């Protein structure tokens, strides 16, 4: 006999002072994504101009072999960590935006947030890198993303914020940010221009342990904060009036969620460049796999975003060896058609 309770597992204390249900399917999904991420991570450390067997990779990571220590721990390991972390940040940022705006087209790359982070990051590299520590790069990118997000919100306000108006204004602002970024690069020294152009396409090429140390603190703090705020995202799916009627402080929670989204997008862009469409693709795939509840969508989007960027980076550095193609090129090749599909599906 089929019963909805078979979908859940009950967790209960021996003294019965607390109990709750856990849905089984998303838990198995998380375990599957975790295993898939670990397998792809090991593959990322194995492939390249020098093939290293997965067994030898694991032995090196465990300190049981030193034959390829430099290649694995210095060249490939930080690059793989940055790819996973940046993808996870962009995936969660996009999921939050789509929940707050209630628009399937919303993502940090489409509505201009990553563009603002990109302008601030390039300005920092071109004008302040010599006088200020590089450790302030993520902060500058986050501030740039926050200023652009505020500008978009103000321009979209007309007796409230219409989701489609927000997206359209965001697309225009994104184009302006890209123009500003290119202008700064054109007037920058030659040795910076080449690096900046590669960075603009979205690449983790040359990522090192400094990049890992710059990005991971933001990820460790703000992705758990996003997950802890999923109750408010679920409420906002019901509409503003219902959310307010249920006792949620709508505007305060919306500002907090938007701030988390902006910080995650800005931190990812500061290290991995303007990788487009991850924040659009990952939440849609996550909802297909995990359902509508943001308690499951947020961690699933983090896994999916990390897998997308890491897989694109693996393809980019192996398919045309010895050339290293930026991961953002392959992601855009998938994301742009998907964006047009959403436009047609939702009849915008």
C-alpha atoms as a PDB file:
ATOM      1  CA  UNK A   1       0.000   0.000   0.000  1.00  0.00           C
ATOM      2  CA  UNK A   2       1.406   3.366  -1.033  1.00  0.00           C
ATOM      3  CA  UNK A   3       1.622   5.967   1.715  1.00  0.00           C
ATOM      4  CA  UNK A   4       3.258   9.413   1.801  1.00  0.00           C
ATOM      5  CA  UNK A   5       4.978   8.488   5.065  1.00  0.00           C
ATOM      6  CA  UNK A   6       7.221   6.075   3.160  1.00  0.00           C
ATOM      7  CA  UNK A   7       8.805   9.131   1.567  1.00  0.00           C
ATOM      8  CA  UNK A   8      10.038  10.268   4.985  1.00  0.00           C
ATOM      9  CA  UNK A   9      12.282   8.978   7.721  1.00  0.00           C
ATOM     10  CA  UNK A  10      11.413   9.919  11.281  1.00  0.00           C
ATOM     11  CA  UNK A  11      14.196  11.071  13.587  1.00  0.00           C
ATOM     12  CA  UNK A  12      13.141  10.930  17.250  1.00  0.00           C
ATOM     13  CA  UNK A  13      15.035  11.352  20.526  1.00  0.00           C
ATOM     14  CA  UNK A  14      14.872   8.480  23.006  1.00  0.00           C
ATOM     15  CA  UNK A  15      13.131  10.696  25.533  1.00  0.00           C
ATOM     16  CA  UNK A  16      10.689  11.843  22.803  1.00  0.00           C
ATOM     17  CA  UNK A  17      11.388  15.499  23.556  1.00  0.00           C
ATOM     18  CA  UNK A  18      11.851  16.180  19.843  1.00  0.00           C
ATOM     19  CA  UNK A  19      11.127  14.462  16.523  1.00  0.00           C
ATOM     20  CA  UNK A  20      11.059  15.444  12.873  1.00  0.00           C
ATOM     21  CA  UNK A  21      10.673  13.953   9.402  1.00  0.00           C
ATOM     22  CA  UNK A  22      13.402  13.868   6.759  1.00  0.00           C
ATOM     23  CA  UNK A  23      12.395  13.345   3.148  1.00  0.00           C
ATOM     24  CA  UNK A  24      14.348  10.368   1.838  1.00  0.00           C
ATOM     25  CA  UNK A  25      14.694  11.248  -1.857  1.00  0.00           C
ATOM     26  CA  UNK A  26      16.604  14.547  -1.455  1.00  0.00           C
ATOM     27  CA  UNK A  27      18.922  12.938   1.088  1.00  0.00           C
ATOM     28  CA  UNK A  28      19.831  10.203  -1.398  1.00  0.00           C
ATOM     29  CA  UNK A  29      20.213  12.929  -4.013  1.00  0.00           C
ATOM     30  CA  UNK A  30      22.697  14.820  -1.816  1.00  0.00           C
ATOM     31  CA  UNK A  31      24.709  11.670  -1.212  1.00  0.00           C
ATOM     32  CA  UNK A  32      24.754  10.968  -4.952  1.00  0.00           C
ATOM     33  CA  UNK A  33      25.883  14.512  -5.734  1.00  0.00           C
ATOM     34  CA  UNK A  34      28.581  14.297  -3.064  1.00  0.00           C
ATOM     35  CA  UNK A  35      29.936  11.065  -4.556  1.00  0.00           C
ATOM     36  CA  UNK A  36      29.766  12.550  -8.062  1.00  0.00           C
ATOM     37  CA  UNK A  37      31.612  15.668  -6.896  1.00  0.00           C
ATOM     38  CA  UNK A  38      34.370  13.611  -5.269  1.00  0.00           C
ATOM     39  CA  UNK A  39      34.799  11.487  -8.400  1.00  0.00           C
ATOM     40  CA  UNK A  40      34.949  14.544 -10.675  1.00  0.00           C
ATOM     41  CA  UNK A  41      37.353  16.224  -8.244  1.00  0.00           C
ATOM     42  CA  UNK A  42      39.757  13.279  -8.430  1.00  0.00           C
ATOM     43  CA  UNK A  43      39.419  13.268 -12.227  1.00  0.00           C
ATOM     44  CA  UNK A  44      40.318  16.978 -12.292  1.00  0.00           C
ATOM     45  CA  UNK A  45      43.533  16.155 -10.446  1.00  0.00           C
ATOM     46  CA  UNK A  46      44.303  13.273 -12.786  1.00  0.00           C
ATOM     47  CA  UNK A  47      43.856  14.750 -16.277  1.00  0.00           C
ATOM     48  CA  UNK A  48      46.076  17.258 -18.022  1.00  0.00           C
ATOM     49  CA  UNK A  49      49.260  17.334 -20.073  1.00  0.00           C
ATOM     50  CA  UNK A  50      50.534  14.689 -17.650  1.00  0.00           C
ATOM     51  CA  UNK A  51      48.109  11.864 -16.862  1.00  0.00           C
ATOM     52  CA  UNK A  52      48.196  10.749 -13.240  1.00  0.00           C
ATOM     53  CA  UNK A  53      46.184   7.719 -12.193  1.00  0.00           C
ATOM     54  CA  UNK A  54      43.405   8.355  -9.641  1.00  0.00           C
ATOM     55  CA  UNK A  55      45.050   5.852  -7.295  1.00  0.00           C
ATOM     56  CA  UNK A  56      48.300   7.832  -7.359  1.00  0.00           C
ATOM     57  CA  UNK A  57      46.346  11.069  -6.875  1.00  0.00           C
ATOM     58  CA  UNK A  58      44.761   9.701  -3.701  1.00  0.00           C
ATOM     59  CA  UNK A  59      48.119   8.405  -2.459  1.00  0.00           C
ATOM     60  CA  UNK A  60      49.653  11.858  -3.017  1.00  0.00           C
ATOM     61  CA  UNK A  61      46.816  13.613  -1.176  1.00  0.00           C
ATOM     62  CA  UNK A  62      47.226  11.171   1.724  1.00  0.00           C
ATOM     63  CA  UNK A  63      50.991  11.767   1.832  1.00  0.00           C
ATOM     64  CA  UNK A  64      51.858   8.242   0.692  1.00  0.00           C
ATOM     65  CA  UNK A  65      53.560   9.345  -2.553  1.00  0.00           C
ATOM     66  CA  UNK A  66      55.626  12.364  -3.598  1.00  0.00           C
ATOM     67  CA  UNK A  67      56.192  11.582  -7.292  1.00  0.00           C
ATOM     68  CA  UNK A  68      53.729  14.197  -8.613  1.00  0.00           C
ATOM     69  CA  UNK A  69      53.351  16.406  -5.552  1.00  0.00           C
ATOM     70  CA  UNK A  70      54.090  19.665  -7.377  1.00  0.00           C
ATOM     71  CA  UNK A  71      51.641  18.982 -10.229  1.00  0.00           C
ATOM     72  CA  UNK A  72      48.825  17.844  -7.952  1.00  0.00           C
ATOM     73  CA  UNK A  73      49.150  20.041  -4.886  1.00  0.00           C
ATOM     74  CA  UNK A  74      50.500  23.225  -6.471  1.00  0.00           C
ATOM     75  CA  UNK A  75      48.999  23.322  -9.983  1.00  0.00           C
ATOM     76  CA  UNK A  76      45.788  21.278  -9.997  1.00  0.00           C
ATOM     77  CA  UNK A  77      44.432  21.092  -6.452  1.00  0.00           C
ATOM     78  CA  UNK A  78      43.876  24.855  -5.840  1.00  0.00           C
ATOM     79  CA  UNK A  79      42.415  25.198  -9.349  1.00  0.00           C
ATOM     80  CA  UNK A  80      39.883  22.427  -8.688  1.00  0.00           C
ATOM     81  CA  UNK A  81      38.953  23.865  -5.281  1.00  0.00           C
ATOM     82  CA  UNK A  82      38.414  27.343  -6.739  1.00  0.00           C
ATOM     83  CA  UNK A  83      36.268  25.911  -9.561  1.00  0.00           C
ATOM     84  CA  UNK A  84      34.054  24.033  -7.111  1.00  0.00           C
ATOM     85  CA  UNK A  85      33.779  26.940  -4.672  1.00  0.00           C
ATOM     86  CA  UNK A  86      33.063  29.585  -7.319  1.00  0.00           C
ATOM     87  CA  UNK A  87      30.468  27.374  -9.009  1.00  0.00           C
ATOM     88  CA  UNK A  88      28.773  26.647  -5.692  1.00  0.00           C
ATOM     89  CA  UNK A  89      28.659  30.356  -4.821  1.00  0.00           C
ATOM     90  CA  UNK A  90      27.151  31.301  -8.199  1.00  0.00           C
ATOM     91  CA  UNK A  91      24.629  28.454  -8.027  1.00  0.00           C
ATOM     92  CA  UNK A  92      23.387  29.478  -4.586  1.00  0.00           C
ATOM     93  CA  UNK A  93      23.381  33.161  -5.548  1.00  0.00           C
ATOM     94  CA  UNK A  94      21.188  32.401  -8.561  1.00  0.00           C
ATOM     95  CA  UNK A  95      18.812  30.227  -6.530  1.00  0.00           C
ATOM     96  CA  UNK A  96      18.312  33.032  -4.007  1.00  0.00           C
ATOM     97  CA  UNK A  97      17.685  35.614  -6.739  1.00  0.00           C
ATOM     98  CA  UNK A  98      15.136  33.420  -8.493  1.00  0.00           C
ATOM     99  CA  UNK A  99      13.351  32.862  -5.188  1.00  0.00           C
ATOM    100  CA  UNK A 100      13.294  36.517  -4.144  1.00  0.00           C
ATOM    101  CA  UNK A 101      12.418  37.932  -7.571  1.00  0.00           C
ATOM    102  CA  UNK A 102      10.137  34.964  -8.389  1.00  0.00           C
ATOM    103  CA  UNK A 103      11.409  34.999 -11.941  1.00  0.00           C
ATOM    104  CA  UNK A 104      13.078  32.017 -13.678  1.00  0.00           C
ATOM    105  CA  UNK A 105      15.295  34.375 -15.698  1.00  0.00           C
ATOM    106  CA  UNK A 106      16.944  35.934 -12.651  1.00  0.00           C
ATOM    107  CA  UNK A 107      20.619  35.179 -12.118  1.00  0.00           C
ATOM    108  CA  UNK A 108      23.616  37.271 -11.001  1.00  0.00           C
ATOM    109  CA  UNK A 109      25.127  37.140 -14.486  1.00  0.00           C
ATOM    110  CA  UNK A 110      22.005  38.257 -16.337  1.00  0.00           C
ATOM    111  CA  UNK A 111      20.725  41.067 -14.129  1.00  0.00           C
ATOM    112  CA  UNK A 112      24.085  42.810 -13.778  1.00  0.00           C
ATOM    113  CA  UNK A 113      25.392  41.797 -10.353  1.00  0.00           C
ATOM    114  CA  UNK A 114      28.442  39.950 -11.677  1.00  0.00           C
ATOM    115  CA  UNK A 115      28.999  42.863 -14.071  1.00  0.00           C
ATOM    116  CA  UNK A 116      29.258  45.249 -11.118  1.00  0.00           C
ATOM    117  CA  UNK A 117      31.615  42.871  -9.344  1.00  0.00           C
ATOM    118  CA  UNK A 118      33.693  42.627 -12.517  1.00  0.00           C
ATOM    119  CA  UNK A 119      34.016  46.407 -12.871  1.00  0.00           C
ATOM    120  CA  UNK A 120      35.112  46.757  -9.253  1.00  0.00           C
ATOM    121  CA  UNK A 121      37.577  43.860  -9.502  1.00  0.00           C
ATOM    122  CA  UNK A 122      39.170  45.146 -12.725  1.00  0.00           C
ATOM    123  CA  UNK A 123      39.384  48.675 -11.274  1.00  0.00           C
ATOM    124  CA  UNK A 124      41.129  47.240  -8.210  1.00  0.00           C
ATOM    125  CA  UNK A 125      43.611  45.274 -10.327  1.00  0.00           C
ATOM    126  CA  UNK A 126      44.368  48.173 -12.677  1.00  0.00           C
ATOM    127  CA  UNK A 127      44.449  51.141 -10.286  1.00  0.00           C
ATOM    128  CA  UNK A 128      45.008  49.862  -6.733  1.00  0.00           C
ATOM    129  CA  UNK A 129      46.830  46.525  -6.974  1.00  0.00           C
ATOM    130  CA  UNK A 130      50.232  48.157  -6.460  1.00  0.00           C
ATOM    131  CA  UNK A 131      49.214  50.057  -3.324  1.00  0.00           C
ATOM    132  CA  UNK A 132      46.635  47.790  -1.614  1.00  0.00           C
ATOM    133  CA  UNK A 133      46.949  44.130  -0.639  1.00  0.00           C
ATOM    134  CA  UNK A 134      45.400  41.651  -3.086  1.00  0.00           C
ATOM    135  CA  UNK A 135      43.467  40.220  -0.137  1.00  0.00           C
ATOM    136  CA  UNK A 136      41.065  43.153  -0.473  1.00  0.00           C
ATOM    137  CA  UNK A 137      40.093  42.075  -4.018  1.00  0.00           C
ATOM    138  CA  UNK A 138      37.040  40.002  -2.954  1.00  0.00           C
ATOM    139  CA  UNK A 139      35.830  42.879  -0.766  1.00  0.00           C
ATOM    140  CA  UNK A 140      36.087  45.325  -3.677  1.00  0.00           C
ATOM    141  CA  UNK A 141      34.162  42.919  -5.931  1.00  0.00           C
ATOM    142  CA  UNK A 142      31.446  42.451  -3.299  1.00  0.00           C
ATOM    143  CA  UNK A 143      31.097  46.234  -2.887  1.00  0.00           C
ATOM    144  CA  UNK A 144      30.838  46.669  -6.655  1.00  0.00           C
ATOM    145  CA  UNK A 145      28.176  43.969  -6.871  1.00  0.00           C
ATOM    146  CA  UNK A 146      26.254  45.574  -3.973  1.00  0.00           C
ATOM    147  CA  UNK A 147      26.283  49.049  -5.536  1.00  0.00           C
ATOM    148  CA  UNK A 148      25.034  47.732  -8.880  1.00  0.00           C
ATOM    149  CA  UNK A 149      22.343  45.623  -7.175  1.00  0.00           C
ATOM    150  CA  UNK A 150      21.139  48.740  -5.330  1.00  0.00           C
ATOM    151  CA  UNK A 151      21.137  50.749  -8.573  1.00  0.00           C
ATOM    152  CA  UNK A 152      19.095  48.076 -10.371  1.00  0.00           C
ATOM    153  CA  UNK A 153      16.597  47.904  -7.518  1.00  0.00           C
ATOM    154  CA  UNK A 154      16.149  51.681  -7.472  1.00  0.00           C
ATOM    155  CA  UNK A 155      15.725  51.931 -11.249  1.00  0.00           C
ATOM    156  CA  UNK A 156      13.264  49.013 -11.272  1.00  0.00           C
ATOM    157  CA  UNK A 157      11.092  50.564  -8.542  1.00  0.00           C
ATOM    158  CA  UNK A 158       7.776  51.861  -9.818  1.00  0.00           C
ATOM    159  CA  UNK A 159       5.135  51.488  -7.123  1.00  0.00           C
ATOM    160  CA  UNK A 160       6.900  48.244  -6.330  1.00  0.00           C
ATOM    161  CA  UNK A 161       9.340  46.107  -8.269  1.00  0.00           C
ATOM    162  CA  UNK A 162       8.031  44.150 -11.252  1.00  0.00           C
ATOM    163  CA  UNK A 163      10.078  40.953 -11.827  1.00  0.00           C
ATOM    164  CA  UNK A 164      10.235  41.422 -15.600  1.00  0.00           C
ATOM    165  CA  UNK A 165      11.139  45.111 -15.162  1.00  0.00           C
ATOM    166  CA  UNK A 166      13.943  44.106 -12.798  1.00  0.00           C
ATOM    167  CA  UNK A 167      15.333  41.593 -15.302  1.00  0.00           C
ATOM    168  CA  UNK A 168      15.155  43.991 -18.274  1.00  0.00           C
ATOM    169  CA  UNK A 169      16.875  46.806 -16.379  1.00  0.00           C
ATOM    170  CA  UNK A 170      19.429  44.330 -15.102  1.00  0.00           C
ATOM    171  CA  UNK A 171      20.249  43.220 -18.652  1.00  0.00           C
ATOM    172  CA  UNK A 172      20.846  46.853 -19.619  1.00  0.00           C
ATOM    173  CA  UNK A 173      23.017  47.497 -16.562  1.00  0.00           C
ATOM    174  CA  UNK A 174      25.016  44.338 -17.297  1.00  0.00           C
ATOM    175  CA  UNK A 175      25.771  45.660 -20.798  1.00  0.00           C
ATOM    176  CA  UNK A 176      26.918  48.987 -19.321  1.00  0.00           C
ATOM    177  CA  UNK A 177      29.164  47.217 -16.811  1.00  0.00           C
ATOM    178  CA  UNK A 178      30.762  45.157 -19.552  1.00  0.00           C
ATOM    179  CA  UNK A 179      31.433  48.320 -21.572  1.00  0.00           C
ATOM    180  CA  UNK A 180      33.053  49.999 -18.552  1.00  0.00           C
ATOM    181  CA  UNK A 181      35.198  46.949 -17.899  1.00  0.00           C
ATOM    182  CA  UNK A 182      36.441  46.780 -21.493  1.00  0.00           C
ATOM    183  CA  UNK A 183      37.182  50.513 -21.470  1.00  0.00           C
ATOM    184  CA  UNK A 184      39.331  50.150 -18.335  1.00  0.00           C
ATOM    185  CA  UNK A 185      41.191  47.235 -19.890  1.00  0.00           C
ATOM    186  CA  UNK A 186      41.874  49.200 -23.077  1.00  0.00           C
ATOM    187  CA  UNK A 187      43.541  51.978 -21.082  1.00  0.00           C
ATOM    188  CA  UNK A 188      45.417  49.629 -18.772  1.00  0.00           C
ATOM    189  CA  UNK A 189      49.053  48.519 -19.179  1.00  0.00           C
ATOM    190  CA  UNK A 190      49.626  45.800 -21.762  1.00  0.00           C
ATOM    191  CA  UNK A 191      50.703  43.167 -19.241  1.00  0.00           C
ATOM    192  CA  UNK A 192      47.394  43.541 -17.391  1.00  0.00           C
ATOM    193  CA  UNK A 193      45.159  43.661 -20.469  1.00  0.00           C
ATOM    194  CA  UNK A 194      45.837  40.079 -21.598  1.00  0.00           C
ATOM    195  CA  UNK A 195      45.207  38.689 -18.123  1.00  0.00           C
ATOM    196  CA  UNK A 196      42.036  40.721 -17.748  1.00  0.00           C
ATOM    197  CA  UNK A 197      40.580  39.534 -21.052  1.00  0.00           C
ATOM    198  CA  UNK A 198      41.053  35.900 -20.008  1.00  0.00           C
ATOM    199  CA  UNK A 199      39.542  36.713 -16.620  1.00  0.00           C
ATOM    200  CA  UNK A 200      36.497  38.337 -18.262  1.00  0.00           C
ATOM    201  CA  UNK A 201      35.578  35.119 -20.051  1.00  0.00           C
ATOM    202  CA  UNK A 202      35.504  33.299 -16.720  1.00  0.00           C
ATOM    203  CA  UNK A 203      38.525  31.153 -15.988  1.00  0.00           C
ATOM    204  CA  UNK A 204      40.241  29.486 -13.048  1.00  0.00           C
ATOM    205  CA  UNK A 205      43.482  29.243 -15.021  1.00  0.00           C
ATOM    206  CA  UNK A 206      46.462  29.872 -12.765  1.00  0.00           C
ATOM    207  CA  UNK A 207      44.451  29.636  -9.550  1.00  0.00           C
ATOM    208  CA  UNK A 208      46.713  29.154  -6.536  1.00  0.00           C
ATOM    209  CA  UNK A 209      46.413  28.755  -2.783  1.00  0.00           C
ATOM    210  CA  UNK A 210      46.123  32.529  -2.336  1.00  0.00           C
ATOM    211  CA  UNK A 211      42.936  32.433  -4.444  1.00  0.00           C
ATOM    212  CA  UNK A 212      41.645  29.568  -2.311  1.00  0.00           C
ATOM    213  CA  UNK A 213      42.298  31.540   0.880  1.00  0.00           C
ATOM    214  CA  UNK A 214      40.542  34.597  -0.593  1.00  0.00           C
ATOM    215  CA  UNK A 215      37.404  32.734  -1.671  1.00  0.00           C
ATOM    216  CA  UNK A 216      36.783  29.986   0.888  1.00  0.00           C
ATOM    217  CA  UNK A 217      35.980  32.200   3.925  1.00  0.00           C
ATOM    218  CA  UNK A 218      33.097  33.837   2.025  1.00  0.00           C
ATOM    219  CA  UNK A 219      31.786  30.445   0.929  1.00  0.00           C
ATOM    220  CA  UNK A 220      32.069  28.862   4.380  1.00  0.00           C
ATOM    221  CA  UNK A 221      30.138  31.708   5.995  1.00  0.00           C
ATOM    222  CA  UNK A 222      27.492  32.717   3.452  1.00  0.00           C
ATOM    223  CA  UNK A 223      26.323  29.425   1.916  1.00  0.00           C
ATOM    224  CA  UNK A 224      25.284  28.121   5.372  1.00  0.00           C
ATOM    225  CA  UNK A 225      23.606  31.499   6.007  1.00  0.00           C
ATOM    226  CA  UNK A 226      21.686  31.056   2.741  1.00  0.00           C
ATOM    227  CA  UNK A 227      20.589  27.570   3.793  1.00  0.00           C
ATOM    228  CA  UNK A 228      19.449  28.846   7.199  1.00  0.00           C
ATOM    229  CA  UNK A 229      17.288  31.449   5.437  1.00  0.00           C
ATOM    230  CA  UNK A 230      15.459  28.951   3.228  1.00  0.00           C
ATOM    231  CA  UNK A 231      12.280  29.158   5.349  1.00  0.00           C
ATOM    232  CA  UNK A 232      11.875  32.783   4.307  1.00  0.00           C
ATOM    233  CA  UNK A 233      12.520  31.910   0.654  1.00  0.00           C
ATOM    234  CA  UNK A 234       9.824  29.239   0.821  1.00  0.00           C
ATOM    235  CA  UNK A 235       7.391  31.772   2.292  1.00  0.00           C
ATOM    236  CA  UNK A 236       8.159  34.362  -0.382  1.00  0.00           C
ATOM    237  CA  UNK A 237       7.184  31.825  -3.035  1.00  0.00           C
ATOM    238  CA  UNK A 238       3.603  32.244  -1.740  1.00  0.00           C
ATOM    239  CA  UNK A 239       3.484  35.967  -2.595  1.00  0.00           C
ATOM    240  CA  UNK A 240       4.034  39.185  -0.650  1.00  0.00           C
ATOM    241  CA  UNK A 241       0.594  39.358   1.002  1.00  0.00           C
ATOM    242  CA  UNK A 242       0.665  35.768   2.211  1.00  0.00           C
ATOM    243  CA  UNK A 243       4.246  36.103   3.440  1.00  0.00           C
ATOM    244  CA  UNK A 244       3.392  39.212   5.457  1.00  0.00           C
ATOM    245  CA  UNK A 245       0.227  37.577   6.783  1.00  0.00           C
ATOM    246  CA  UNK A 246       2.231  34.627   8.094  1.00  0.00           C
ATOM    247  CA  UNK A 247       4.327  36.983  10.213  1.00  0.00           C
ATOM    248  CA  UNK A 248       7.504  37.214   8.150  1.00  0.00           C
ATOM    249  CA  UNK A 249       9.264  40.579   7.974  1.00  0.00           C
ATOM    250  CA  UNK A 250       9.165  40.597   4.189  1.00  0.00           C
ATOM    251  CA  UNK A 251      11.323  43.586   3.287  1.00  0.00           C
ATOM    252  CA  UNK A 252      13.947  42.852   5.947  1.00  0.00           C
ATOM    253  CA  UNK A 253      14.273  39.214   4.910  1.00  0.00           C
ATOM    254  CA  UNK A 254      14.333  40.181   1.234  1.00  0.00           C
ATOM    255  CA  UNK A 255      17.213  42.587   1.869  1.00  0.00           C
ATOM    256  CA  UNK A 256      19.122  39.952   3.859  1.00  0.00           C
ATOM    257  CA  UNK A 257      18.667  37.345   1.127  1.00  0.00           C
ATOM    258  CA  UNK A 258      19.692  39.782  -1.602  1.00  0.00           C
ATOM    259  CA  UNK A 259      22.775  40.739   0.433  1.00  0.00           C
ATOM    260  CA  UNK A 260      23.785  37.057   0.734  1.00  0.00           C
ATOM    261  CA  UNK A 261      23.286  36.588  -3.014  1.00  0.00           C
ATOM    262  CA  UNK A 262      25.360  39.670  -3.834  1.00  0.00           C
ATOM    263  CA  UNK A 263      28.210  38.640  -1.509  1.00  0.00           C
ATOM    264  CA  UNK A 264      28.418  35.132  -2.955  1.00  0.00           C
ATOM    265  CA  UNK A 265      28.373  36.388  -6.551  1.00  0.00           C
ATOM    266  CA  UNK A 266      30.944  39.099  -5.844  1.00  0.00           C
ATOM    267  CA  UNK A 267      33.312  36.720  -4.062  1.00  0.00           C
ATOM    268  CA  UNK A 268      33.116  34.178  -6.910  1.00  0.00           C
ATOM    269  CA  UNK A 269      33.736  36.809  -9.587  1.00  0.00           C
ATOM    270  CA  UNK A 270      36.724  38.253  -7.737  1.00  0.00           C
ATOM    271  CA  UNK A 271      38.632  34.979  -8.109  1.00  0.00           C
ATOM    272  CA  UNK A 272      37.098  33.115 -11.075  1.00  0.00           C
ATOM    273  CA  UNK A 273      36.072  36.017 -13.296  1.00  0.00           C
ATOM    274  CA  UNK A 274      32.677  36.658 -14.849  1.00  0.00           C
ATOM    275  CA  UNK A 275      31.539  33.090 -15.476  1.00  0.00           C
ATOM    276  CA  UNK A 276      28.086  33.492 -16.973  1.00  0.00           C
ATOM    277  CA  UNK A 277      24.918  31.389 -16.727  1.00  0.00           C
ATOM    278  CA  UNK A 278      25.953  29.168 -13.791  1.00  0.00           C
ATOM    279  CA  UNK A 279      23.530  31.101 -11.577  1.00  0.00           C
ATOM    280  CA  UNK A 280      20.815  30.487 -14.173  1.00  0.00           C
ATOM    281  CA  UNK A 281      21.449  26.815 -14.944  1.00  0.00           C
ATOM    282  CA  UNK A 282      22.201  25.410 -11.479  1.00  0.00           C
ATOM    283  CA  UNK A 283      18.942  26.478  -9.729  1.00  0.00           C
ATOM    284  CA  UNK A 284      16.783  25.147 -12.567  1.00  0.00           C
ATOM    285  CA  UNK A 285      18.552  21.781 -12.524  1.00  0.00           C
ATOM    286  CA  UNK A 286      18.344  21.745  -8.720  1.00  0.00           C
ATOM    287  CA  UNK A 287      14.575  22.276  -8.720  1.00  0.00           C
ATOM    288  CA  UNK A 288      14.170  19.496 -11.280  1.00  0.00           C
ATOM    289  CA  UNK A 289      16.111  17.119  -9.066  1.00  0.00           C
ATOM    290  CA  UNK A 290      15.181  18.198  -5.529  1.00  0.00           C
ATOM    291  CA  UNK A 291      11.699  19.721  -5.836  1.00  0.00           C
ATOM    292  CA  UNK A 292      10.475  23.173  -4.866  1.00  0.00           C
ATOM    293  CA  UNK A 293      11.599  23.381  -1.233  1.00  0.00           C
ATOM    294  CA  UNK A 294      14.582  25.731  -0.904  1.00  0.00           C
ATOM    295  CA  UNK A 295      15.875  23.671   2.001  1.00  0.00           C
ATOM    296  CA  UNK A 296      16.899  21.154  -0.663  1.00  0.00           C
ATOM    297  CA  UNK A 297      17.278  23.510  -3.644  1.00  0.00           C
ATOM    298  CA  UNK A 298      20.065  25.584  -2.029  1.00  0.00           C
ATOM    299  CA  UNK A 299      22.499  22.715  -1.279  1.00  0.00           C
ATOM    300  CA  UNK A 300      21.625  21.002  -4.577  1.00  0.00           C
ATOM    301  CA  UNK A 301      22.294  24.226  -6.509  1.00  0.00           C
ATOM    302  CA  UNK A 302      25.651  24.507  -4.714  1.00  0.00           C
ATOM    303  CA  UNK A 303      26.625  20.988  -5.814  1.00  0.00           C
ATOM    304  CA  UNK A 304      25.350  21.490  -9.373  1.00  0.00           C
ATOM    305  CA  UNK A 305      27.081  24.876  -9.745  1.00  0.00           C
ATOM    306  CA  UNK A 306      30.382  23.434  -8.562  1.00  0.00           C
ATOM    307  CA  UNK A 307      30.052  20.442 -10.884  1.00  0.00           C
ATOM    308  CA  UNK A 308      29.259  22.662 -13.888  1.00  0.00           C
ATOM    309  CA  UNK A 309      32.311  24.898 -13.428  1.00  0.00           C
ATOM    310  CA  UNK A 310      34.668  22.031 -12.579  1.00  0.00           C
ATOM    311  CA  UNK A 311      33.482  19.948 -15.557  1.00  0.00           C
ATOM    312  CA  UNK A 312      33.809  22.948 -17.902  1.00  0.00           C
ATOM    313  CA  UNK A 313      37.320  23.607 -16.617  1.00  0.00           C
ATOM    314  CA  UNK A 314      38.331  19.975 -17.168  1.00  0.00           C
ATOM    315  CA  UNK A 315      37.027  20.082 -20.743  1.00  0.00           C
ATOM    316  CA  UNK A 316      38.615  23.486 -21.366  1.00  0.00           C
ATOM    317  CA  UNK A 317      42.114  22.414 -20.394  1.00  0.00           C
ATOM    318  CA  UNK A 318      42.083  18.969 -22.022  1.00  0.00           C
ATOM    319  CA  UNK A 319      40.065  19.076 -25.253  1.00  0.00           C
ATOM    320  CA  UNK A 320      42.488  21.374 -27.120  1.00  0.00           C
ATOM    321  CA  UNK A 321      45.763  20.668 -25.334  1.00  0.00           C
ATOM    322  CA  UNK A 322      48.165  22.384 -24.960  1.00  0.00           C
ATOM    323  CA  UNK A 323      45.748  25.336 -25.215  1.00  0.00           C
ATOM    324  CA  UNK A 324      43.737  26.168 -22.099  1.00  0.00           C
ATOM    325  CA  UNK A 325      40.208  27.335 -23.002  1.00  0.00           C
ATOM    326  CA  UNK A 326      38.405  29.354 -20.265  1.00  0.00           C
ATOM    327  CA  UNK A 327      35.600  27.448 -18.545  1.00  0.00           C
ATOM    328  CA  UNK A 328      33.198  30.357 -19.137  1.00  0.00           C
ATOM    329  CA  UNK A 329      33.335  29.761 -22.909  1.00  0.00           C
ATOM    330  CA  UNK A 330      31.820  26.274 -22.604  1.00  0.00           C
ATOM    331  CA  UNK A 331      29.280  27.292 -19.971  1.00  0.00           C
ATOM    332  CA  UNK A 332      28.061  30.178 -22.132  1.00  0.00           C
ATOM    333  CA  UNK A 333      27.651  27.770 -25.044  1.00  0.00           C
ATOM    334  CA  UNK A 334      25.112  25.859 -22.946  1.00  0.00           C
ATOM    335  CA  UNK A 335      23.649  28.752 -20.962  1.00  0.00           C
ATOM    336  CA  UNK A 336      22.765  31.087 -23.832  1.00  0.00           C
ATOM    337  CA  UNK A 337      20.466  28.570 -25.624  1.00  0.00           C
ATOM    338  CA  UNK A 338      18.902  27.670 -22.249  1.00  0.00           C
ATOM    339  CA  UNK A 339      18.186  31.363 -21.596  1.00  0.00           C
ATOM    340  CA  UNK A 340      16.422  31.650 -24.973  1.00  0.00           C
ATOM    341  CA  UNK A 341      14.456  28.487 -24.162  1.00  0.00           C
ATOM    342  CA  UNK A 342      13.246  30.074 -20.912  1.00  0.00           C
ATOM    343  CA  UNK A 343      12.207  33.216 -22.770  1.00  0.00           C
ATOM    344  CA  UNK A 344      10.098  31.180 -25.184  1.00  0.00           C
ATOM    345  CA  UNK A 345       8.709  28.881 -22.501  1.00  0.00           C
ATOM    346  CA  UNK A 346       7.597  31.715 -20.230  1.00  0.00           C
ATOM    347  CA  UNK A 347       6.401  33.893 -23.163  1.00  0.00           C
ATOM    348  CA  UNK A 348       8.289  37.005 -22.068  1.00  0.00           C
END
